[in-house]
Amino acid sequence: MSAMTYQVAAFYQFAPLPDFRGLREPLRALCAGLKLKGSVLLAHEGINGTLAGEACAIGELVGELRDGALFGGRLDNLE
């Protein structure tokens, strides 16, 4: 039995997200598909979250947030 490597990602960025309500379900589905656990807050002002999961899943999420179609490059300074 191999040990899994888990990571925690705590992230935020102030960015205009006037469409934040429409982003909630696609983001929830993405996180569920990656088997991530935690919380993400979306608002007009930006995003704030803490999620945990397998290291590769965290990497996929961060890539999607920064470069994926869902946020269209608006989270390019994700901390």
C-alpha atoms as a PDB file:
ATOM      1  CA  MET A   1       0.000   0.000   0.000  1.00  0.00           C
ATOM      2  CA  SER A   2       1.506   3.335  -1.034  1.00  0.00           C
ATOM      3  CA  ALA A   3       1.121   6.486   1.018  1.00  0.00           C
ATOM      4  CA  MET A   4      -0.705   9.385  -0.598  1.00  0.00           C
ATOM      5  CA  THR A   5       0.749  12.864  -0.446  1.00  0.00           C
ATOM      6  CA  TYR A   6      -1.736  15.507   0.592  1.00  0.00           C
ATOM      7  CA  GLN A   7      -1.380  19.254   0.365  1.00  0.00           C
ATOM      8  CA  VAL A   8      -3.294  22.228   1.675  1.00  0.00           C
ATOM      9  CA  ALA A   9      -3.716  25.273  -0.532  1.00  0.00           C
ATOM     10  CA  ALA A  10      -4.691  28.585   1.064  1.00  0.00           C
ATOM     11  CA  PHE A  11      -5.222  31.244  -1.582  1.00  0.00           C
ATOM     12  CA  TYR A  12      -6.797  34.597  -2.318  1.00  0.00           C
ATOM     13  CA  GLN A  13      -6.853  37.349  -4.874  1.00  0.00           C
ATOM     14  CA  PHE A  14      -8.705  40.615  -5.075  1.00  0.00           C
ATOM     15  CA  ALA A  15     -10.074  40.725  -8.618  1.00  0.00           C
ATOM     16  CA  PRO A  16     -13.328  41.955 -10.134  1.00  0.00           C
ATOM     17  CA  LEU A  17     -15.685  38.962 -10.353  1.00  0.00           C
ATOM     18  CA  PRO A  18     -19.090  40.467 -11.189  1.00  0.00           C
ATOM     19  CA  ASP A  19     -20.146  37.008 -12.417  1.00  0.00           C
ATOM     20  CA  PHE A  20     -19.196  35.256  -9.163  1.00  0.00           C
ATOM     21  CA  ARG A  21     -22.631  33.640  -8.742  1.00  0.00           C
ATOM     22  CA  GLY A  22     -22.293  31.887 -12.099  1.00  0.00           C
ATOM     23  CA  LEU A  23     -18.803  30.670 -11.203  1.00  0.00           C
ATOM     24  CA  ARG A  24     -19.872  28.892  -8.010  1.00  0.00           C
ATOM     25  CA  GLU A  25     -21.295  25.676  -9.479  1.00  0.00           C
ATOM     26  CA  PRO A  26     -18.564  25.090 -12.097  1.00  0.00           C
ATOM     27  CA  LEU A  27     -15.913  25.665  -9.405  1.00  0.00           C
ATOM     28  CA  ARG A  28     -17.727  23.353  -6.968  1.00  0.00           C
ATOM     29  CA  ALA A  29     -17.912  20.662  -9.658  1.00  0.00           C
ATOM     30  CA  LEU A  30     -14.208  21.083 -10.458  1.00  0.00           C
ATOM     31  CA  CYS A  31     -13.248  20.709  -6.793  1.00  0.00           C
ATOM     32  CA  ALA A  32     -15.557  17.705  -6.340  1.00  0.00           C
ATOM     33  CA  GLY A  33     -14.076  16.046  -9.424  1.00  0.00           C
ATOM     34  CA  LEU A  34     -10.585  16.548  -8.001  1.00  0.00           C
ATOM     35  CA  LYS A  35     -11.777  15.204  -4.604  1.00  0.00           C
ATOM     36  CA  LEU A  36     -10.740  18.393  -2.817  1.00  0.00           C
ATOM     37  CA  LYS A  37     -12.152  19.291   0.586  1.00  0.00           C
ATOM     38  CA  GLY A  38     -12.445  22.723   2.165  1.00  0.00           C
ATOM     39  CA  SER A  39     -14.063  26.033   1.364  1.00  0.00           C
ATOM     40  CA  VAL A  40     -13.873  28.685  -1.314  1.00  0.00           C
ATOM     41  CA  LEU A  41     -15.546  32.067  -1.047  1.00  0.00           C
ATOM     42  CA  LEU A  42     -16.392  33.950  -4.229  1.00  0.00           C
ATOM     43  CA  ALA A  43     -17.563  37.558  -4.195  1.00  0.00           C
ATOM     44  CA  HIS A  44     -17.609  40.656  -6.375  1.00  0.00           C
ATOM     45  CA  GLU A  45     -14.192  41.499  -4.890  1.00  0.00           C
ATOM     46  CA  GLY A  46     -12.430  38.192  -5.616  1.00  0.00           C
ATOM     47  CA  ILE A  47     -11.712  34.726  -4.283  1.00  0.00           C
ATOM     48  CA  ASN A  48     -10.535  33.321  -0.940  1.00  0.00           C
ATOM     49  CA  GLY A  49     -10.156  29.656  -0.165  1.00  0.00           C
ATOM     50  CA  THR A  50      -8.516  26.829   1.718  1.00  0.00           C
ATOM     51  CA  LEU A  51      -8.629  23.375   0.157  1.00  0.00           C
ATOM     52  CA  ALA A  52      -6.905  20.074   0.859  1.00  0.00           C
ATOM     53  CA  GLY A  53      -6.343  17.068  -1.341  1.00  0.00           C
ATOM     54  CA  GLU A  54      -3.808  15.015  -3.215  1.00  0.00           C
ATOM     55  CA  ALA A  55      -0.836  17.067  -4.376  1.00  0.00           C
ATOM     56  CA  CYS A  56      -1.573  16.478  -8.061  1.00  0.00           C
ATOM     57  CA  ALA A  57      -5.193  17.615  -7.612  1.00  0.00           C
ATOM     58  CA  ILE A  58      -4.093  20.817  -5.872  1.00  0.00           C
ATOM     59  CA  GLY A  59      -1.733  21.457  -8.781  1.00  0.00           C
ATOM     60  CA  GLU A  60      -4.556  20.969 -11.285  1.00  0.00           C
ATOM     61  CA  LEU A  61      -6.806  23.356  -9.364  1.00  0.00           C
ATOM     62  CA  VAL A  62      -4.154  26.078  -9.139  1.00  0.00           C
ATOM     63  CA  GLY A  63      -3.477  25.740 -12.869  1.00  0.00           C
ATOM     64  CA  GLU A  64      -7.183  26.064 -13.638  1.00  0.00           C
ATOM     65  CA  LEU A  65      -7.612  29.077 -11.364  1.00  0.00           C
ATOM     66  CA  ARG A  66      -4.631  30.906 -12.884  1.00  0.00           C
ATOM     67  CA  ASP A  67      -4.870  29.917 -16.548  1.00  0.00           C
ATOM     68  CA  GLY A  68      -8.132  28.078 -17.167  1.00  0.00           C
ATOM     69  CA  ALA A  69     -11.231  29.174 -19.026  1.00  0.00           C
ATOM     70  CA  LEU A  70     -13.393  29.399 -15.892  1.00  0.00           C
ATOM     71  CA  PHE A  71     -11.783  32.625 -14.656  1.00  0.00           C
ATOM     72  CA  GLY A  72     -10.371  33.716 -18.010  1.00  0.00           C
ATOM     73  CA  GLY A  73      -7.002  34.865 -16.654  1.00  0.00           C
ATOM     74  CA  ARG A  74      -8.504  37.121 -13.974  1.00  0.00           C
ATOM     75  CA  LEU A  75      -6.671  35.235 -11.198  1.00  0.00           C
ATOM     76  CA  ASP A  76      -3.176  35.693 -12.595  1.00  0.00           C
ATOM     77  CA  ASN A  77      -1.817  37.069  -9.282  1.00  0.00           C
ATOM     78  CA  LEU A  78      -3.228  34.336  -7.070  1.00  0.00           C
ATOM     79  CA  GLU A  79      -1.435  34.324  -3.725  1.00  0.00           C
END
